[in-house]
Amino acid sequence: MHDTSKQEALSKVPEVTLIFWVVKIAATTLGETGGDTVTMTLNWGYLAGTALFLGLLVVLVGAQILANKFNPVLYWATIIASTTFGTTMADFADRSLGIGYTGASILLFVCLIAVLSLWYCSQGTISVDTVATPKSEAFYWSAITISQTLGTALGDWMADTGGLGYEGGALIFAAVLAMIAGLYLWTNVSRVLLFWAAFILTRPLGATVGDFLDKPASDGGLALSRPLASAVIAAFIIVCLCVLPQRPGRHPEAAKAVAKAE
């Protein structure tokens, strides 16, 4: 029974493979178009949109932590909720709080470092290989949510404040991600560091792609319908999960985390 509970604990985070990153980028693009659909197209506004997605995120994170095994639909629904909340939160910070994308990016970066530091001090590592207990999952989802919001602010900063536009921003982030992939394949750079760098930077890539799809042509976008773009991206994610089902991650280090928690 003891070994079974450990195995269940190891099954709640997906294996990090190429399909993981493909779905992650699609999910972040959906977060951008979906968040804009609620706040702009439906005219909810940034505060109401942020409150809506925060409530949804809290419910899904709770369900994810309480689940006794890996559920790809639940996991990716939680990721999408975190990235949609990140979209509305970053826009709220820029346009309603008035601190701008630069200020938001700096503040969120500090918050992310703080969460990762607390996680490391508590667990001795920030590797996803040890996400096997409610405490480590709480740190994991906190870091993910902040990184999603940071990624949104970075993407908008690059496109707007940086003056590169959505296409230019997407190319920059794609190039940096390609460099990270090269470091993963051909060097011994810390896999933990590369994972979190890639996780953060896939968000602004998705954000700039989402903005490119739904922003007006005068702003460098394609001016596509936000609800339609969101529906197409959601369908793509569903097809990926059905055709290329994900396996739960096999995390040899997680047994130590479970034993430590017990």
Protein backbone atom coordinates (compact mmCIF):
# COMPACT_ATOMS: atom_id res chain seq x y z
CA MET A 1 0.00 0.00 0.00
CA HIS A 2 2.90 2.28 0.84
CA ASP A 3 4.55 1.63 -2.55
CA THR A 4 1.22 2.14 -4.34
CA SER A 5 0.71 5.56 -2.77
CA LYS A 6 4.20 6.53 -3.86
CA GLN A 7 3.54 5.40 -7.41
CA GLU A 8 0.34 7.45 -7.51
CA ALA A 9 2.26 10.47 -6.27
CA LEU A 10 4.73 10.08 -9.12
CA SER A 11 1.95 10.09 -11.73
CA LYS A 12 0.61 13.65 -11.49
CA VAL A 13 3.10 15.59 -13.62
CA PRO A 14 3.56 14.72 -17.32
CA GLU A 15 6.81 13.56 -18.79
CA VAL A 16 8.64 16.52 -20.33
CA THR A 17 8.92 15.60 -24.01
CA LEU A 18 8.59 17.41 -27.33
CA ILE A 19 4.78 17.05 -27.27
CA PHE A 20 4.80 18.64 -23.80
CA TRP A 21 6.36 21.78 -25.26
CA VAL A 22 4.11 21.77 -28.33
CA VAL A 23 0.99 21.67 -26.16
CA LYS A 24 2.52 24.21 -23.74
CA ILE A 25 3.04 26.76 -26.52
CA ALA A 26 -0.48 26.14 -27.86
CA ALA A 27 -1.89 26.52 -24.34
CA THR A 28 -0.13 29.85 -23.86
CA THR A 29 -1.45 31.08 -27.20
CA LEU A 30 -4.94 30.04 -26.13
CA GLY A 31 -4.41 31.89 -22.85
CA GLU A 32 -3.67 35.08 -24.76
CA THR A 33 -6.62 34.88 -27.16
CA GLY A 34 -8.98 33.50 -24.49
CA GLY A 35 -8.06 36.20 -21.98
CA ASP A 36 -8.51 38.93 -24.60
CA THR A 37 -11.86 37.40 -25.58
CA VAL A 38 -13.21 37.83 -22.06
CA THR A 39 -11.65 41.20 -21.21
CA MET A 40 -11.96 42.91 -24.60
CA THR A 41 -14.41 41.14 -26.90
CA LEU A 42 -16.95 40.47 -24.13
CA ASN A 43 -16.04 43.76 -22.41
CA TRP A 44 -15.61 42.28 -18.94
CA GLY A 45 -12.61 44.48 -18.29
CA TYR A 46 -9.26 43.50 -16.78
CA LEU A 47 -10.28 43.43 -13.12
CA ALA A 48 -13.35 41.22 -13.64
CA GLY A 49 -11.47 39.00 -16.10
CA THR A 50 -8.59 38.57 -13.68
CA ALA A 51 -10.98 37.70 -10.82
CA LEU A 52 -12.81 35.16 -13.03
CA PHE A 53 -9.67 33.33 -14.12
CA LEU A 54 -8.11 33.50 -10.66
CA GLY A 55 -11.18 31.75 -9.23
CA LEU A 56 -11.04 29.11 -11.96
CA LEU A 57 -7.31 28.64 -11.41
CA VAL A 58 -7.72 28.15 -7.65
CA VAL A 59 -10.39 25.49 -8.22
CA LEU A 60 -8.32 23.62 -10.80
CA VAL A 61 -5.10 23.76 -8.77
CA GLY A 62 -7.04 22.37 -5.80
CA ALA A 63 -8.40 19.56 -7.97
CA GLN A 64 -4.93 18.87 -9.36
CA ILE A 65 -3.41 18.61 -5.88
CA LEU A 66 -6.25 16.38 -4.63
CA ALA A 67 -6.09 14.06 -7.65
CA ASN A 68 -4.44 10.72 -6.91
CA LYS A 69 -2.93 10.22 -10.36
CA PHE A 70 -1.93 12.10 -13.49
CA ASN A 71 -4.90 13.31 -15.53
CA PRO A 72 -3.82 15.05 -18.77
CA VAL A 73 -7.12 16.90 -19.22
CA LEU A 74 -7.03 18.26 -15.66
CA TYR A 75 -3.34 19.10 -15.88
CA TRP A 76 -3.61 21.05 -19.13
CA ALA A 77 -6.84 22.73 -18.06
CA THR A 78 -4.91 24.02 -15.06
CA ILE A 79 -2.05 25.18 -17.28
CA ILE A 80 -4.51 27.00 -19.56
CA ALA A 81 -6.19 28.62 -16.54
CA SER A 82 -2.80 29.80 -15.26
CA THR A 83 -1.79 31.24 -18.61
CA THR A 84 -5.18 32.94 -19.11
CA PHE A 85 -4.95 34.43 -15.63
CA GLY A 86 -1.42 35.54 -16.52
CA THR A 87 -2.75 37.36 -19.59
CA THR A 88 -5.43 39.28 -17.74
CA MET A 89 -3.21 39.94 -14.71
CA ALA A 90 -0.37 41.37 -16.81
CA ASP A 91 -2.81 43.59 -18.72
CA PHE A 92 -4.41 44.69 -15.45
CA ALA A 93 -0.99 45.62 -14.03
CA ASP A 94 -0.06 47.57 -17.15
CA ARG A 95 -3.30 49.36 -17.96
CA SER A 96 -5.21 49.54 -14.68
CA LEU A 97 -2.40 49.78 -12.12
CA GLY A 98 -0.30 51.85 -14.49
CA ILE A 99 3.09 50.27 -13.70
CA GLY A 100 3.71 49.34 -17.33
CA TYR A 101 5.04 46.12 -18.80
CA THR A 102 8.58 47.01 -17.70
CA GLY A 103 7.55 47.47 -14.08
CA ALA A 104 5.34 44.38 -14.20
CA SER A 105 8.16 42.27 -15.66
CA ILE A 106 10.61 43.34 -12.96
CA LEU A 107 8.07 42.80 -10.16
CA LEU A 108 7.06 39.37 -11.45
CA PHE A 109 10.68 38.29 -11.94
CA VAL A 110 11.40 39.16 -8.30
CA CYS A 111 8.28 37.24 -7.21
CA LEU A 112 9.31 34.19 -9.26
CA ILE A 113 12.81 34.17 -7.80
CA ALA A 114 11.27 34.45 -4.31
CA VAL A 115 8.95 31.47 -4.89
CA LEU A 116 11.71 29.33 -6.39
CA SER A 117 14.01 30.26 -3.49
CA LEU A 118 11.36 29.32 -0.92
CA TRP A 119 10.75 26.06 -2.78
CA TYR A 120 14.47 25.28 -2.80
CA CYS A 121 14.87 26.13 0.89
CA SER A 122 11.88 23.93 1.75
CA GLN A 123 12.56 20.94 -0.51
CA GLY A 124 16.24 21.20 -1.35
CA THR A 125 15.50 21.35 -5.08
CA ILE A 126 13.22 23.02 -7.63
CA SER A 127 13.27 20.09 -10.03
CA VAL A 128 9.92 18.90 -11.40
CA ASP A 129 11.28 15.41 -10.70
CA THR A 130 10.33 15.95 -7.06
CA VAL A 131 6.77 17.23 -7.53
CA ALA A 132 5.12 14.42 -5.60
CA THR A 133 3.59 15.93 -2.46
CA PRO A 134 0.92 18.59 -1.85
CA LYS A 135 3.59 20.98 -0.57
CA SER A 136 5.83 20.61 -3.62
CA GLU A 137 2.77 20.84 -5.89
CA ALA A 138 1.77 24.11 -4.23
CA PHE A 139 5.25 25.52 -4.96
CA TYR A 140 5.11 24.09 -8.49
CA TRP A 141 1.79 25.71 -9.39
CA SER A 142 2.74 29.00 -7.73
CA ALA A 143 5.94 29.14 -9.78
CA ILE A 144 4.10 28.17 -12.95
CA THR A 145 1.41 30.83 -12.49
CA ILE A 146 3.93 33.58 -11.80
CA SER A 147 6.10 32.48 -14.73
CA GLN A 148 3.05 32.55 -17.01
CA THR A 149 2.25 36.11 -15.93
CA LEU A 150 5.91 37.11 -16.27
CA GLY A 151 5.98 35.61 -19.75
CA THR A 152 2.93 37.63 -20.76
CA ALA A 153 4.49 40.86 -19.52
CA LEU A 154 7.78 40.05 -21.29
CA GLY A 155 6.00 39.31 -24.55
CA ASP A 156 4.02 42.54 -24.45
CA TRP A 157 7.10 44.49 -23.38
CA MET A 158 9.09 43.11 -26.32
CA ALA A 159 6.29 43.80 -28.81
CA ASP A 160 5.15 47.20 -27.51
CA THR A 161 7.77 48.89 -25.33
CA GLY A 162 10.66 47.24 -27.14
CA GLY A 163 9.21 48.28 -30.49
CA LEU A 164 9.76 44.93 -32.22
CA GLY A 165 6.11 44.22 -32.92
CA TYR A 166 4.45 40.84 -32.53
CA GLU A 167 6.30 39.14 -35.39
CA GLY A 168 9.66 40.46 -34.21
CA GLY A 169 8.96 39.45 -30.62
CA ALA A 170 7.94 35.94 -31.65
CA LEU A 171 11.13 35.53 -33.69
CA ILE A 172 13.32 36.69 -30.79
CA PHE A 173 11.72 34.30 -28.31
CA ALA A 174 11.78 31.42 -30.81
CA ALA A 175 15.50 32.03 -31.36
CA VAL A 176 16.24 32.04 -27.61
CA LEU A 177 14.22 28.83 -27.16
CA ALA A 178 16.19 27.22 -30.00
CA MET A 179 19.39 28.19 -28.16
CA ILE A 180 18.04 26.60 -24.96
CA ALA A 181 17.23 23.43 -26.91
CA GLY A 182 20.79 23.41 -28.21
CA LEU A 183 22.15 23.75 -24.67
CA TYR A 184 19.96 20.83 -23.60
CA LEU A 185 21.12 18.60 -26.45
CA TRP A 186 24.83 19.40 -26.56
CA THR A 187 25.90 20.65 -23.14
CA ASN A 188 25.71 19.67 -19.49
CA VAL A 189 24.00 22.87 -18.36
CA SER A 190 21.60 22.23 -15.47
CA ARG A 191 18.40 20.61 -16.77
CA VAL A 192 16.45 22.30 -13.98
CA LEU A 193 17.67 25.73 -15.06
CA LEU A 194 16.93 24.99 -18.73
CA PHE A 195 13.42 23.72 -17.91
CA TRP A 196 12.42 26.88 -16.05
CA ALA A 197 14.02 29.14 -18.66
CA ALA A 198 12.11 27.33 -21.42
CA PHE A 199 8.89 27.31 -19.40
CA ILE A 200 9.07 31.07 -18.89
CA LEU A 201 10.02 31.88 -22.49
CA THR A 202 7.40 29.66 -24.14
CA ARG A 203 4.83 31.97 -22.54
CA PRO A 204 5.89 35.17 -24.32
CA LEU A 205 6.26 33.17 -27.54
CA GLY A 206 2.65 32.04 -27.21
CA ALA A 207 1.59 35.54 -26.13
CA THR A 208 3.16 37.20 -29.17
CA VAL A 209 1.68 34.58 -31.49
CA GLY A 210 -1.73 35.10 -29.88
CA ASP A 211 -1.43 38.87 -30.19
CA PHE A 212 -0.33 38.49 -33.81
CA LEU A 213 -3.50 36.50 -34.51
CA ASP A 214 -6.05 38.79 -32.87
CA LYS A 215 -4.62 42.33 -32.77
CA PRO A 216 -5.69 44.93 -35.38
CA ALA A 217 -3.75 45.12 -38.63
CA SER A 218 -2.76 48.69 -37.71
CA ASP A 219 -0.91 47.23 -34.69
CA GLY A 220 0.83 44.56 -36.76
CA GLY A 221 -1.68 41.76 -36.14
CA LEU A 222 -3.94 39.67 -38.39
CA ALA A 223 -7.17 40.98 -36.80
CA LEU A 224 -8.70 37.50 -36.55
CA SER A 225 -11.76 36.91 -34.41
CA ARG A 226 -10.58 36.19 -30.85
CA PRO A 227 -13.32 33.61 -30.13
CA LEU A 228 -12.62 31.83 -33.43
CA ALA A 229 -8.87 31.82 -32.87
CA SER A 230 -9.42 30.48 -29.33
CA ALA A 231 -11.69 27.71 -30.60
CA VAL A 232 -9.18 26.63 -33.25
CA ILE A 233 -6.29 26.54 -30.77
CA ALA A 234 -8.40 24.64 -28.22
CA ALA A 235 -9.30 22.07 -30.89
CA PHE A 236 -5.61 21.69 -31.76
CA ILE A 237 -4.76 20.99 -28.10
CA ILE A 238 -7.55 18.40 -27.82
CA VAL A 239 -6.33 16.65 -30.98
CA CYS A 240 -2.78 16.59 -29.61
CA LEU A 241 -3.90 15.03 -26.34
CA CYS A 242 -5.98 12.42 -28.17
CA VAL A 243 -3.56 11.52 -30.95
CA LEU A 244 -0.36 11.90 -28.92
CA PRO A 245 -1.37 10.90 -25.39
CA GLN A 246 1.04 11.92 -22.68
CA ARG A 247 2.55 9.58 -20.17
CA PRO A 248 2.90 10.48 -16.51
CA GLY A 249 6.44 11.47 -15.69
CA ARG A 250 8.73 8.90 -14.17
CA HIS A 251 10.47 10.76 -11.40
CA PRO A 252 13.09 8.71 -9.54
CA GLU A 253 13.86 11.60 -7.20
CA ALA A 254 10.25 11.94 -6.12
CA ALA A 255 10.42 8.92 -3.80
CA LYS A 256 12.80 10.92 -1.64
CA ALA A 257 10.34 13.81 -1.55
CA VAL A 258 7.50 11.50 -0.54
CA ALA A 259 9.64 9.87 2.15
CA LYS A 260 10.69 13.30 3.44
CA ALA A 261 7.06 14.44 3.63
CA GLU A 262 6.11 11.31 5.54
